[in-house]
Amino acid sequence: MRADCCGVRIDVHAAVSFMAIHARVLDRRRLQLLIGEADPGEVLAALDAYRNPDRGYGWGLEPDLRSAESQPAAAMHALEVLAEAAPATTSRAVELCDWLREHTLADGGLPFALPIDDPAGCAPFWVQADPRTSSLQMTAQVAVKAHLLGRHQPNVAGHPWLAMATEYCLEAIRGMDGAPQAYELLFALQFLDAVAEHVPDARVLIEQLGRYLPADGSMHVEGGATDEVLDPLDFAPHPDRPVRDLFSAEVIAADLERLARLQQPDGGWLVDFASYSPAAALEWRGYATVHAVNILQSNAR
């Protein structure tokens, strides 16, 4: 099965085969859901393998954070999957918001990571994170997924944790002084895009942050791999959203073509950042393949 995107064909069958050979069950189910070959219950069942008794998520759900303990980064990935499964709903979502509230700091933000007992296979930036300091990058990316899920699940949209996290992010973004780091900019823009319908100055803030984007929309990640960049579709993956207005139609069309052409001969997509274990390297490729198909599918003309 092949699909056209901006004149470039992607091989969906090859992507499915790649996932069968290399990807974890969760991402195989997520891809099946995207192409109409799985139901939400199958995806949610796969997600449960990463859940802890404390209602949080761990066990390598964030591939470069392989410890079993529940972590904010894993919560982000769990909320992402829960949003993909919508309109199917589950009590797991509110339970996860309860967990997030328990680990939110006094200012309303989440730490970049909580303490890690077993650092095997964990990237240094997770192990070395200060659990006593709030991170806009982490809080924004978790809140983004919760807001997307909240469009289908009112008890998530109205959860006290999400209100706290939203206020923290808005205050931090409004107080920005100078250009943020690439990933902080990415998640701040995604956050503002997610709340644009009910935060009056969100679109103004989007325009302000958009001034930090390079003219071609591709931003090098300082401190990352040599060729690690965030591209226009990282910032604005879906059409008809406020952040998409930061990019011309020509820039988006070129980036869609770039993304489609990045499908590898084995059917999967690559990532341009470092992985910290052999397992993570393959898991990131599976995650990236789902991500690419999702973007190309949502932008199909």
C-alpha atoms as a PDB file:
ATOM      1  CA  MET A   1       0.000   0.000   0.000  1.00  0.00           C
ATOM      2  CA  ARG A   2       1.427   3.344  -1.049  1.00  0.00           C
ATOM      3  CA  ALA A   3       0.237   6.835  -0.210  1.00  0.00           C
ATOM      4  CA  ASP A   4       0.941  10.107  -1.981  1.00  0.00           C
ATOM      5  CA  CYS A   5       2.113  13.192  -0.080  1.00  0.00           C
ATOM      6  CA  CYS A   6       2.985  16.332  -2.017  1.00  0.00           C
ATOM      7  CA  GLY A   7       3.939  14.254  -5.040  1.00  0.00           C
ATOM      8  CA  VAL A   8       6.164  11.894  -3.026  1.00  0.00           C
ATOM      9  CA  ARG A   9       4.972   8.367  -2.361  1.00  0.00           C
ATOM     10  CA  ILE A  10       5.456   6.656   0.955  1.00  0.00           C
ATOM     11  CA  ASP A  11       5.193   2.900   1.321  1.00  0.00           C
ATOM     12  CA  VAL A  12       2.825   2.230   4.217  1.00  0.00           C
ATOM     13  CA  HIS A  13       3.174  -1.549   3.858  1.00  0.00           C
ATOM     14  CA  ALA A  14       6.957  -1.216   4.200  1.00  0.00           C
ATOM     15  CA  ALA A  15       6.457   0.941   7.293  1.00  0.00           C
ATOM     16  CA  VAL A  16       4.236  -1.739   8.852  1.00  0.00           C
ATOM     17  CA  SER A  17       6.841  -4.394   8.032  1.00  0.00           C
ATOM     18  CA  PHE A  18       9.605  -2.268   9.553  1.00  0.00           C
ATOM     19  CA  MET A  19       7.581  -1.939  12.737  1.00  0.00           C
ATOM     20  CA  ALA A  20       6.991  -5.689  12.912  1.00  0.00           C
ATOM     21  CA  ILE A  21      10.731  -6.317  12.707  1.00  0.00           C
ATOM     22  CA  HIS A  22      12.080  -3.509  14.879  1.00  0.00           C
ATOM     23  CA  ALA A  23       9.468  -1.643  16.938  1.00  0.00           C
ATOM     24  CA  ARG A  24       7.903  -2.163  20.334  1.00  0.00           C
ATOM     25  CA  VAL A  25       4.332  -3.425  20.540  1.00  0.00           C
ATOM     26  CA  LEU A  26       2.980  -0.048  21.643  1.00  0.00           C
ATOM     27  CA  ASP A  27       4.212   1.740  18.525  1.00  0.00           C
ATOM     28  CA  ARG A  28       3.063  -1.116  16.298  1.00  0.00           C
ATOM     29  CA  ARG A  29      -0.420  -0.678  17.742  1.00  0.00           C
ATOM     30  CA  ARG A  30      -0.237   3.103  17.352  1.00  0.00           C
ATOM     31  CA  LEU A  31       0.621   2.763  13.671  1.00  0.00           C
ATOM     32  CA  GLN A  32      -2.157   0.230  13.183  1.00  0.00           C
ATOM     33  CA  LEU A  33      -4.597   2.679  14.766  1.00  0.00           C
ATOM     34  CA  LEU A  34      -3.458   5.424  12.387  1.00  0.00           C
ATOM     35  CA  ILE A  35      -4.076   3.301   9.313  1.00  0.00           C
ATOM     36  CA  GLY A  36      -7.332   1.829  10.579  1.00  0.00           C
ATOM     37  CA  GLU A  37      -6.122  -1.658  11.437  1.00  0.00           C
ATOM     38  CA  ALA A  38      -6.455  -1.508  15.248  1.00  0.00           C
ATOM     39  CA  ASP A  39      -9.005  -0.187  17.706  1.00  0.00           C
ATOM     40  CA  PRO A  40      -8.247   2.177  20.603  1.00  0.00           C
ATOM     41  CA  GLY A  41      -8.628  -0.581  23.176  1.00  0.00           C
ATOM     42  CA  GLU A  42      -5.675  -2.456  21.692  1.00  0.00           C
ATOM     43  CA  VAL A  43      -3.507   0.662  21.921  1.00  0.00           C
ATOM     44  CA  LEU A  44      -4.567   1.341  25.511  1.00  0.00           C
ATOM     45  CA  ALA A  45      -3.818  -2.259  26.467  1.00  0.00           C
ATOM     46  CA  ALA A  46      -0.283  -1.894  25.087  1.00  0.00           C
ATOM     47  CA  LEU A  47       0.186   1.343  27.029  1.00  0.00           C
ATOM     48  CA  ASP A  48      -0.730  -0.383  30.286  1.00  0.00           C
ATOM     49  CA  ALA A  49       2.526  -2.359  30.154  1.00  0.00           C
ATOM     50  CA  TYR A  50       4.370   0.852  31.105  1.00  0.00           C
ATOM     51  CA  ARG A  51       2.097   1.798  34.012  1.00  0.00           C
ATOM     52  CA  ASN A  52       3.175   1.641  37.651  1.00  0.00           C
ATOM     53  CA  PRO A  53       1.034   1.020  40.761  1.00  0.00           C
ATOM     54  CA  ASP A  54       1.522   4.699  41.706  1.00  0.00           C
ATOM     55  CA  ARG A  55      -0.565   5.626  38.578  1.00  0.00           C
ATOM     56  CA  GLY A  56       2.436   7.054  36.754  1.00  0.00           C
ATOM     57  CA  TYR A  57       4.395   5.583  33.836  1.00  0.00           C
ATOM     58  CA  GLY A  58       7.982   4.435  33.407  1.00  0.00           C
ATOM     59  CA  TRP A  59       9.753   1.289  32.149  1.00  0.00           C
ATOM     60  CA  GLY A  60      11.334   3.017  29.151  1.00  0.00           C
ATOM     61  CA  LEU A  61       8.167   4.596  27.758  1.00  0.00           C
ATOM     62  CA  GLU A  62      10.602   7.466  27.159  1.00  0.00           C
ATOM     63  CA  PRO A  63      13.200   5.352  25.306  1.00  0.00           C
ATOM     64  CA  ASP A  64      16.293   7.050  26.724  1.00  0.00           C
ATOM     65  CA  LEU A  65      14.928   6.909  30.280  1.00  0.00           C
ATOM     66  CA  ARG A  66      14.820   3.183  30.898  1.00  0.00           C
ATOM     67  CA  SER A  67      14.352   3.130  34.659  1.00  0.00           C
ATOM     68  CA  ALA A  68      11.173   1.591  36.024  1.00  0.00           C
ATOM     69  CA  GLU A  69      10.165   4.599  38.132  1.00  0.00           C
ATOM     70  CA  SER A  70       7.365   6.874  37.027  1.00  0.00           C
ATOM     71  CA  GLN A  71       8.644  10.055  35.383  1.00  0.00           C
ATOM     72  CA  PRO A  72       7.152  13.266  33.918  1.00  0.00           C
ATOM     73  CA  ALA A  73       8.593  12.437  30.485  1.00  0.00           C
ATOM     74  CA  ALA A  74       6.823   9.088  30.510  1.00  0.00           C
ATOM     75  CA  ALA A  75       3.630  10.859  31.561  1.00  0.00           C
ATOM     76  CA  MET A  76       3.922  12.992  28.432  1.00  0.00           C
ATOM     77  CA  HIS A  77       4.179   9.923  26.217  1.00  0.00           C
ATOM     78  CA  ALA A  78       1.265   8.269  28.021  1.00  0.00           C
ATOM     79  CA  LEU A  79      -0.932  11.336  27.532  1.00  0.00           C
ATOM     80  CA  GLU A  80       0.090  11.399  23.874  1.00  0.00           C
ATOM     81  CA  VAL A  81      -1.154   7.836  23.416  1.00  0.00           C
ATOM     82  CA  LEU A  82      -4.330   8.502  25.410  1.00  0.00           C
ATOM     83  CA  ALA A  83      -5.056  11.482  23.137  1.00  0.00           C
ATOM     84  CA  GLU A  84      -4.472   9.352  20.037  1.00  0.00           C
ATOM     85  CA  ALA A  85      -6.963   6.798  21.347  1.00  0.00           C
ATOM     86  CA  ALA A  86      -9.665   9.463  21.755  1.00  0.00           C
ATOM     87  CA  PRO A  87     -12.623   9.657  21.618  1.00  0.00           C
ATOM     88  CA  ALA A  88     -12.201   6.422  23.567  1.00  0.00           C
ATOM     89  CA  THR A  89     -11.715   7.368  27.224  1.00  0.00           C
ATOM     90  CA  THR A  90     -10.254   5.672  30.269  1.00  0.00           C
ATOM     91  CA  SER A  91      -9.937   6.382  33.990  1.00  0.00           C
ATOM     92  CA  ARG A  92      -6.174   6.040  33.518  1.00  0.00           C
ATOM     93  CA  ALA A  93      -6.080   9.644  32.270  1.00  0.00           C
ATOM     94  CA  VAL A  94      -7.432  11.246  35.442  1.00  0.00           C
ATOM     95  CA  GLU A  95      -5.339   8.909  37.569  1.00  0.00           C
ATOM     96  CA  LEU A  96      -2.250  10.093  35.706  1.00  0.00           C
ATOM     97  CA  CYS A  97      -3.254  13.728  36.246  1.00  0.00           C
ATOM     98  CA  ASP A  98      -3.546  12.927  39.958  1.00  0.00           C
ATOM     99  CA  TRP A  99       0.003  11.540  39.857  1.00  0.00           C
ATOM    100  CA  LEU A 100       1.229  14.662  38.086  1.00  0.00           C
ATOM    101  CA  ARG A 101      -0.394  16.871  40.701  1.00  0.00           C
ATOM    102  CA  GLU A 102       1.429  14.966  43.444  1.00  0.00           C
ATOM    103  CA  HIS A 103       4.770  15.641  41.737  1.00  0.00           C
ATOM    104  CA  THR A 104       4.173  19.266  40.772  1.00  0.00           C
ATOM    105  CA  LEU A 105       6.385  21.783  42.559  1.00  0.00           C
ATOM    106  CA  ALA A 106       5.145  24.779  44.535  1.00  0.00           C
ATOM    107  CA  ASP A 107       5.272  27.143  41.531  1.00  0.00           C
ATOM    108  CA  GLY A 108       3.023  24.860  39.458  1.00  0.00           C
ATOM    109  CA  GLY A 109       5.763  23.400  37.284  1.00  0.00           C
ATOM    110  CA  LEU A 110       7.101  19.886  36.884  1.00  0.00           C
ATOM    111  CA  PRO A 111      10.779  19.024  37.323  1.00  0.00           C
ATOM    112  CA  PHE A 112      12.617  17.863  34.224  1.00  0.00           C
ATOM    113  CA  ALA A 113      13.024  14.470  35.907  1.00  0.00           C
ATOM    114  CA  LEU A 114      12.504  12.827  39.274  1.00  0.00           C
ATOM    115  CA  PRO A 115      15.330  10.949  41.045  1.00  0.00           C
ATOM    116  CA  ILE A 116      16.458   7.788  39.236  1.00  0.00           C
ATOM    117  CA  ASP A 117      17.466   4.739  41.266  1.00  0.00           C
ATOM    118  CA  ASP A 118      18.860   2.689  38.374  1.00  0.00           C
ATOM    119  CA  PRO A 119      20.520   4.835  35.673  1.00  0.00           C
ATOM    120  CA  ALA A 120      21.252   1.921  33.313  1.00  0.00           C
ATOM    121  CA  GLY A 121      20.441   3.012  29.766  1.00  0.00           C
ATOM    122  CA  CYS A 122      19.381   6.497  30.885  1.00  0.00           C
ATOM    123  CA  ALA A 123      20.670   9.594  29.122  1.00  0.00           C
ATOM    124  CA  PRO A 124      22.865  11.796  31.357  1.00  0.00           C
ATOM    125  CA  PHE A 125      20.486  14.744  31.124  1.00  0.00           C
ATOM    126  CA  TRP A 126      17.797  12.637  32.825  1.00  0.00           C
ATOM    127  CA  VAL A 127      20.095  11.340  35.541  1.00  0.00           C
ATOM    128  CA  GLN A 128      21.583  14.760  36.286  1.00  0.00           C
ATOM    129  CA  ALA A 129      18.302  16.710  36.341  1.00  0.00           C
ATOM    130  CA  ASP A 130      17.439  18.682  39.485  1.00  0.00           C
ATOM    131  CA  PRO A 131      14.131  17.357  40.842  1.00  0.00           C
ATOM    132  CA  ARG A 132      13.693  20.512  42.948  1.00  0.00           C
ATOM    133  CA  THR A 133      13.517  22.920  39.995  1.00  0.00           C
ATOM    134  CA  SER A 134      10.597  23.400  37.628  1.00  0.00           C
ATOM    135  CA  SER A 135      11.221  22.985  33.900  1.00  0.00           C
ATOM    136  CA  LEU A 136       9.198  24.906  31.325  1.00  0.00           C
ATOM    137  CA  GLN A 137      10.338  22.456  28.662  1.00  0.00           C
ATOM    138  CA  MET A 138       8.948  19.475  30.575  1.00  0.00           C
ATOM    139  CA  THR A 139       5.837  21.135  31.988  1.00  0.00           C
ATOM    140  CA  ALA A 140       4.832  22.522  28.594  1.00  0.00           C
ATOM    141  CA  GLN A 141       5.212  19.249  26.713  1.00  0.00           C
ATOM    142  CA  VAL A 142       3.200  17.332  29.309  1.00  0.00           C
ATOM    143  CA  ALA A 143       0.518  20.020  29.436  1.00  0.00           C
ATOM    144  CA  VAL A 144       0.244  20.058  25.626  1.00  0.00           C
ATOM    145  CA  LYS A 145      -0.752  16.400  25.525  1.00  0.00           C
ATOM    146  CA  ALA A 146      -3.169  16.874  28.419  1.00  0.00           C
ATOM    147  CA  HIS A 147      -4.879  19.774  26.643  1.00  0.00           C
ATOM    148  CA  LEU A 148      -5.216  17.707  23.468  1.00  0.00           C
ATOM    149  CA  LEU A 149      -6.701  14.850  25.481  1.00  0.00           C
ATOM    150  CA  GLY A 150      -8.915  17.285  27.358  1.00  0.00           C
ATOM    151  CA  ARG A 151     -10.757  18.093  24.139  1.00  0.00           C
ATOM    152  CA  HIS A 152     -12.294  14.626  24.454  1.00  0.00           C
ATOM    153  CA  GLN A 153     -12.194  14.063  28.210  1.00  0.00           C
ATOM    154  CA  PRO A 154     -13.662  16.924  30.299  1.00  0.00           C
ATOM    155  CA  ASN A 155     -12.345  15.534  33.578  1.00  0.00           C
ATOM    156  CA  VAL A 156      -8.832  15.998  32.191  1.00  0.00           C
ATOM    157  CA  ALA A 157      -9.535  19.484  30.817  1.00  0.00           C
ATOM    158  CA  GLY A 158     -10.873  20.530  34.216  1.00  0.00           C
ATOM    159  CA  HIS A 159      -8.310  18.764  36.365  1.00  0.00           C
ATOM    160  CA  PRO A 160      -6.636  20.991  39.022  1.00  0.00           C
ATOM    161  CA  TRP A 161      -3.173  19.827  37.957  1.00  0.00           C
ATOM    162  CA  LEU A 162      -3.704  21.035  34.383  1.00  0.00           C
ATOM    163  CA  ALA A 163      -4.857  24.436  35.617  1.00  0.00           C
ATOM    164  CA  MET A 164      -1.693  24.752  37.719  1.00  0.00           C
ATOM    165  CA  ALA A 165       0.574  23.624  34.889  1.00  0.00           C
ATOM    166  CA  THR A 166      -1.126  25.946  32.399  1.00  0.00           C
ATOM    167  CA  GLU A 167      -0.685  28.982  34.637  1.00  0.00           C
ATOM    168  CA  TYR A 168       2.951  28.097  35.260  1.00  0.00           C
ATOM    169  CA  CYS A 169       3.663  27.789  31.516  1.00  0.00           C
ATOM    170  CA  LEU A 170       1.897  31.038  30.640  1.00  0.00           C
ATOM    171  CA  GLU A 171       3.754  32.961  33.327  1.00  0.00           C
ATOM    172  CA  ALA A 172       7.095  31.500  32.244  1.00  0.00           C
ATOM    173  CA  ILE A 173       6.466  32.217  28.559  1.00  0.00           C
ATOM    174  CA  ARG A 174       5.260  35.758  29.195  1.00  0.00           C
ATOM    175  CA  GLY A 175       8.395  36.357  31.261  1.00  0.00           C
ATOM    176  CA  MET A 176      10.870  35.076  28.670  1.00  0.00           C
ATOM    177  CA  ASP A 177      13.827  37.387  28.203  1.00  0.00           C
ATOM    178  CA  GLY A 178      15.796  36.476  25.118  1.00  0.00           C
ATOM    179  CA  ALA A 179      15.850  33.512  22.779  1.00  0.00           C
ATOM    180  CA  PRO A 180      14.932  30.184  24.410  1.00  0.00           C
ATOM    181  CA  GLN A 181      16.757  26.928  23.772  1.00  0.00           C
ATOM    182  CA  ALA A 182      15.430  25.063  20.730  1.00  0.00           C
ATOM    183  CA  TYR A 183      13.379  22.445  22.568  1.00  0.00           C
ATOM    184  CA  GLU A 184      12.043  24.975  25.035  1.00  0.00           C
ATOM    185  CA  LEU A 185      10.900  27.082  22.083  1.00  0.00           C
ATOM    186  CA  LEU A 186       9.352  24.029  20.439  1.00  0.00           C
ATOM    187  CA  PHE A 187       7.274  23.036  23.444  1.00  0.00           C
ATOM    188  CA  ALA A 188       6.345  26.607  24.334  1.00  0.00           C
ATOM    189  CA  LEU A 189       4.940  27.090  20.828  1.00  0.00           C
ATOM    190  CA  GLN A 190       3.135  23.746  20.928  1.00  0.00           C
ATOM    191  CA  PHE A 191       1.668  24.666  24.305  1.00  0.00           C
ATOM    192  CA  LEU A 192       0.402  28.040  23.074  1.00  0.00           C
ATOM    193  CA  ASP A 193      -1.048  26.373  19.992  1.00  0.00           C
ATOM    194  CA  ALA A 194      -2.954  23.905  22.186  1.00  0.00           C
ATOM    195  CA  VAL A 195      -4.468  26.617  24.415  1.00  0.00           C
ATOM    196  CA  ALA A 196      -5.021  29.277  21.729  1.00  0.00           C
ATOM    197  CA  GLU A 197      -8.808  28.902  21.785  1.00  0.00           C
ATOM    198  CA  HIS A 198      -9.151  29.881  25.446  1.00  0.00           C
ATOM    199  CA  VAL A 199      -6.088  32.013  26.284  1.00  0.00           C
ATOM    200  CA  PRO A 200      -6.646  35.553  24.935  1.00  0.00           C
ATOM    201  CA  ASP A 201      -3.001  36.472  24.337  1.00  0.00           C
ATOM    202  CA  ALA A 202      -1.850  33.060  23.073  1.00  0.00           C
ATOM    203  CA  ARG A 203      -1.704  34.141  19.435  1.00  0.00           C
ATOM    204  CA  VAL A 204       0.258  37.263  20.330  1.00  0.00           C
ATOM    205  CA  LEU A 205       2.714  35.133  22.293  1.00  0.00           C
ATOM    206  CA  ILE A 206       3.002  32.756  19.321  1.00  0.00           C
ATOM    207  CA  GLU A 207       3.941  35.675  17.089  1.00  0.00           C
ATOM    208  CA  GLN A 208       6.483  36.898  19.624  1.00  0.00           C
ATOM    209  CA  LEU A 209       8.157  33.510  19.963  1.00  0.00           C
ATOM    210  CA  GLY A 210       8.003  33.010  16.205  1.00  0.00           C
ATOM    211  CA  ARG A 211      10.571  35.779  15.829  1.00  0.00           C
ATOM    212  CA  TYR A 212      13.179  33.409  17.230  1.00  0.00           C
ATOM    213  CA  LEU A 213      12.687  30.947  14.379  1.00  0.00           C
ATOM    214  CA  PRO A 214      15.230  31.027  11.520  1.00  0.00           C
ATOM    215  CA  ALA A 215      13.928  32.213   8.163  1.00  0.00           C
ATOM    216  CA  ASP A 216      13.788  28.689   6.742  1.00  0.00           C
ATOM    217  CA  GLY A 217      12.081  27.338   9.870  1.00  0.00           C
ATOM    218  CA  SER A 218      14.844  24.830  10.703  1.00  0.00           C
ATOM    219  CA  MET A 219      16.584  25.376  14.043  1.00  0.00           C
ATOM    220  CA  HIS A 220      19.828  23.739  15.130  1.00  0.00           C
ATOM    221  CA  VAL A 221      19.703  22.151  18.580  1.00  0.00           C
ATOM    222  CA  GLU A 222      22.585  23.619  20.530  1.00  0.00           C
ATOM    223  CA  GLY A 223      24.298  20.940  22.581  1.00  0.00           C
ATOM    224  CA  GLY A 224      22.724  18.139  20.557  1.00  0.00           C
ATOM    225  CA  ALA A 225      24.161  15.981  17.803  1.00  0.00           C
ATOM    226  CA  THR A 226      26.074  17.765  15.042  1.00  0.00           C
ATOM    227  CA  ASP A 227      23.212  17.532  12.552  1.00  0.00           C
ATOM    228  CA  GLU A 228      20.333  17.659  15.066  1.00  0.00           C
ATOM    229  CA  VAL A 229      17.712  20.188  13.977  1.00  0.00           C
ATOM    230  CA  LEU A 230      14.062  20.968  14.581  1.00  0.00           C
ATOM    231  CA  ASP A 231      12.226  21.458  11.301  1.00  0.00           C
ATOM    232  CA  PRO A 232       9.043  23.390  10.447  1.00  0.00           C
ATOM    233  CA  LEU A 233       6.867  20.288  10.834  1.00  0.00           C
ATOM    234  CA  ASP A 234       8.248  19.763  14.342  1.00  0.00           C
ATOM    235  CA  PHE A 235       6.937  23.176  15.320  1.00  0.00           C
ATOM    236  CA  ALA A 236       3.743  23.067  13.260  1.00  0.00           C
ATOM    237  CA  PRO A 237       2.859  19.467  12.376  1.00  0.00           C
ATOM    238  CA  HIS A 238      -0.835  19.926  11.634  1.00  0.00           C
ATOM    239  CA  PRO A 239      -2.716  22.268   9.291  1.00  0.00           C
ATOM    240  CA  ASP A 240      -5.243  24.897  10.362  1.00  0.00           C
ATOM    241  CA  ARG A 241      -3.516  25.608  13.669  1.00  0.00           C
ATOM    242  CA  PRO A 242      -2.181  29.018  14.845  1.00  0.00           C
ATOM    243  CA  VAL A 243       1.510  27.984  14.847  1.00  0.00           C
ATOM    244  CA  ARG A 244       1.217  26.951  11.192  1.00  0.00           C
ATOM    245  CA  ASP A 245       0.755  30.659  10.390  1.00  0.00           C
ATOM    246  CA  LEU A 246       4.414  31.227  11.287  1.00  0.00           C
ATOM    247  CA  PHE A 247       5.436  29.386   8.118  1.00  0.00           C
ATOM    248  CA  SER A 248       4.714  30.039   4.471  1.00  0.00           C
ATOM    249  CA  ALA A 249       2.866  27.454   2.422  1.00  0.00           C
ATOM    250  CA  GLU A 250       6.040  26.940   0.402  1.00  0.00           C
ATOM    251  CA  VAL A 251       8.120  26.164   3.506  1.00  0.00           C
ATOM    252  CA  ILE A 252       5.552  23.638   4.735  1.00  0.00           C
ATOM    253  CA  ALA A 253       5.225  21.995   1.308  1.00  0.00           C
ATOM    254  CA  ALA A 254       9.003  21.622   1.059  1.00  0.00           C
ATOM    255  CA  ASP A 255       9.194  20.153   4.545  1.00  0.00           C
ATOM    256  CA  LEU A 256       6.415  17.652   3.827  1.00  0.00           C
ATOM    257  CA  GLU A 257       8.348  16.526   0.775  1.00  0.00           C
ATOM    258  CA  ARG A 258      11.530  16.279   2.863  1.00  0.00           C
ATOM    259  CA  LEU A 259       9.773  14.174   5.498  1.00  0.00           C
ATOM    260  CA  ALA A 260       8.231  11.828   2.944  1.00  0.00           C
ATOM    261  CA  ARG A 261      11.581  11.304   1.218  1.00  0.00           C
ATOM    262  CA  LEU A 262      13.208  10.348   4.533  1.00  0.00           C
ATOM    263  CA  GLN A 263      11.511   6.953   4.546  1.00  0.00           C
ATOM    264  CA  GLN A 264      14.388   4.479   4.508  1.00  0.00           C
ATOM    265  CA  PRO A 265      14.749   1.387   2.294  1.00  0.00           C
ATOM    266  CA  ASP A 266      13.762  -0.747   5.306  1.00  0.00           C
ATOM    267  CA  GLY A 267      10.435   1.133   5.527  1.00  0.00           C
ATOM    268  CA  GLY A 268      11.131   3.151   8.681  1.00  0.00           C
ATOM    269  CA  TRP A 269      12.275   6.659   9.513  1.00  0.00           C
ATOM    270  CA  LEU A 270      15.421   7.760  11.356  1.00  0.00           C
ATOM    271  CA  VAL A 271      16.058  10.270  14.133  1.00  0.00           C
ATOM    272  CA  ASP A 272      18.905  12.779  14.111  1.00  0.00           C
ATOM    273  CA  PHE A 273      19.626  12.790  17.847  1.00  0.00           C
ATOM    274  CA  ALA A 274      21.781  10.487  19.947  1.00  0.00           C
ATOM    275  CA  SER A 275      20.321   7.389  21.596  1.00  0.00           C
ATOM    276  CA  TYR A 276      21.776   6.000  24.790  1.00  0.00           C
ATOM    277  CA  SER A 277      21.176   2.261  24.402  1.00  0.00           C
ATOM    278  CA  PRO A 278      20.704  -0.174  21.506  1.00  0.00           C
ATOM    279  CA  ALA A 279      17.097  -0.682  22.569  1.00  0.00           C
ATOM    280  CA  ALA A 280      16.424   3.054  22.574  1.00  0.00           C
ATOM    281  CA  ALA A 281      17.909   3.458  19.096  1.00  0.00           C
ATOM    282  CA  LEU A 282      15.374   1.020  17.636  1.00  0.00           C
ATOM    283  CA  GLU A 283      12.498   2.279  19.776  1.00  0.00           C
ATOM    284  CA  TRP A 284      13.092   5.848  18.655  1.00  0.00           C
ATOM    285  CA  ARG A 285      12.966   4.711  15.031  1.00  0.00           C
ATOM    286  CA  GLY A 286       9.602   3.070  15.675  1.00  0.00           C
ATOM    287  CA  TYR A 287       8.351   6.212  17.407  1.00  0.00           C
ATOM    288  CA  ALA A 288       9.676   8.379  14.554  1.00  0.00           C
ATOM    289  CA  THR A 289       7.937   6.182  11.977  1.00  0.00           C
ATOM    290  CA  VAL A 290       4.564   6.586  13.693  1.00  0.00           C
ATOM    291  CA  HIS A 291       5.223  10.316  13.983  1.00  0.00           C
ATOM    292  CA  ALA A 292       6.087  10.689  10.293  1.00  0.00           C
ATOM    293  CA  VAL A 293       3.064   8.747   9.061  1.00  0.00           C
ATOM    294  CA  ASN A 294       0.828  10.728  11.411  1.00  0.00           C
ATOM    295  CA  ILE A 295       2.077  14.076  10.093  1.00  0.00           C
ATOM    296  CA  LEU A 296       1.960  13.048   6.448  1.00  0.00           C
ATOM    297  CA  GLN A 297      -1.514  11.595   6.865  1.00  0.00           C
ATOM    298  CA  SER A 298      -2.890  14.700   8.608  1.00  0.00           C
ATOM    299  CA  ASN A 299      -1.447  16.929   5.858  1.00  0.00           C
ATOM    300  CA  ALA A 300      -2.613  14.800   2.943  1.00  0.00           C
ATOM    301  CA  ARG A 301      -4.160  16.873   0.230  1.00  0.00           C
END
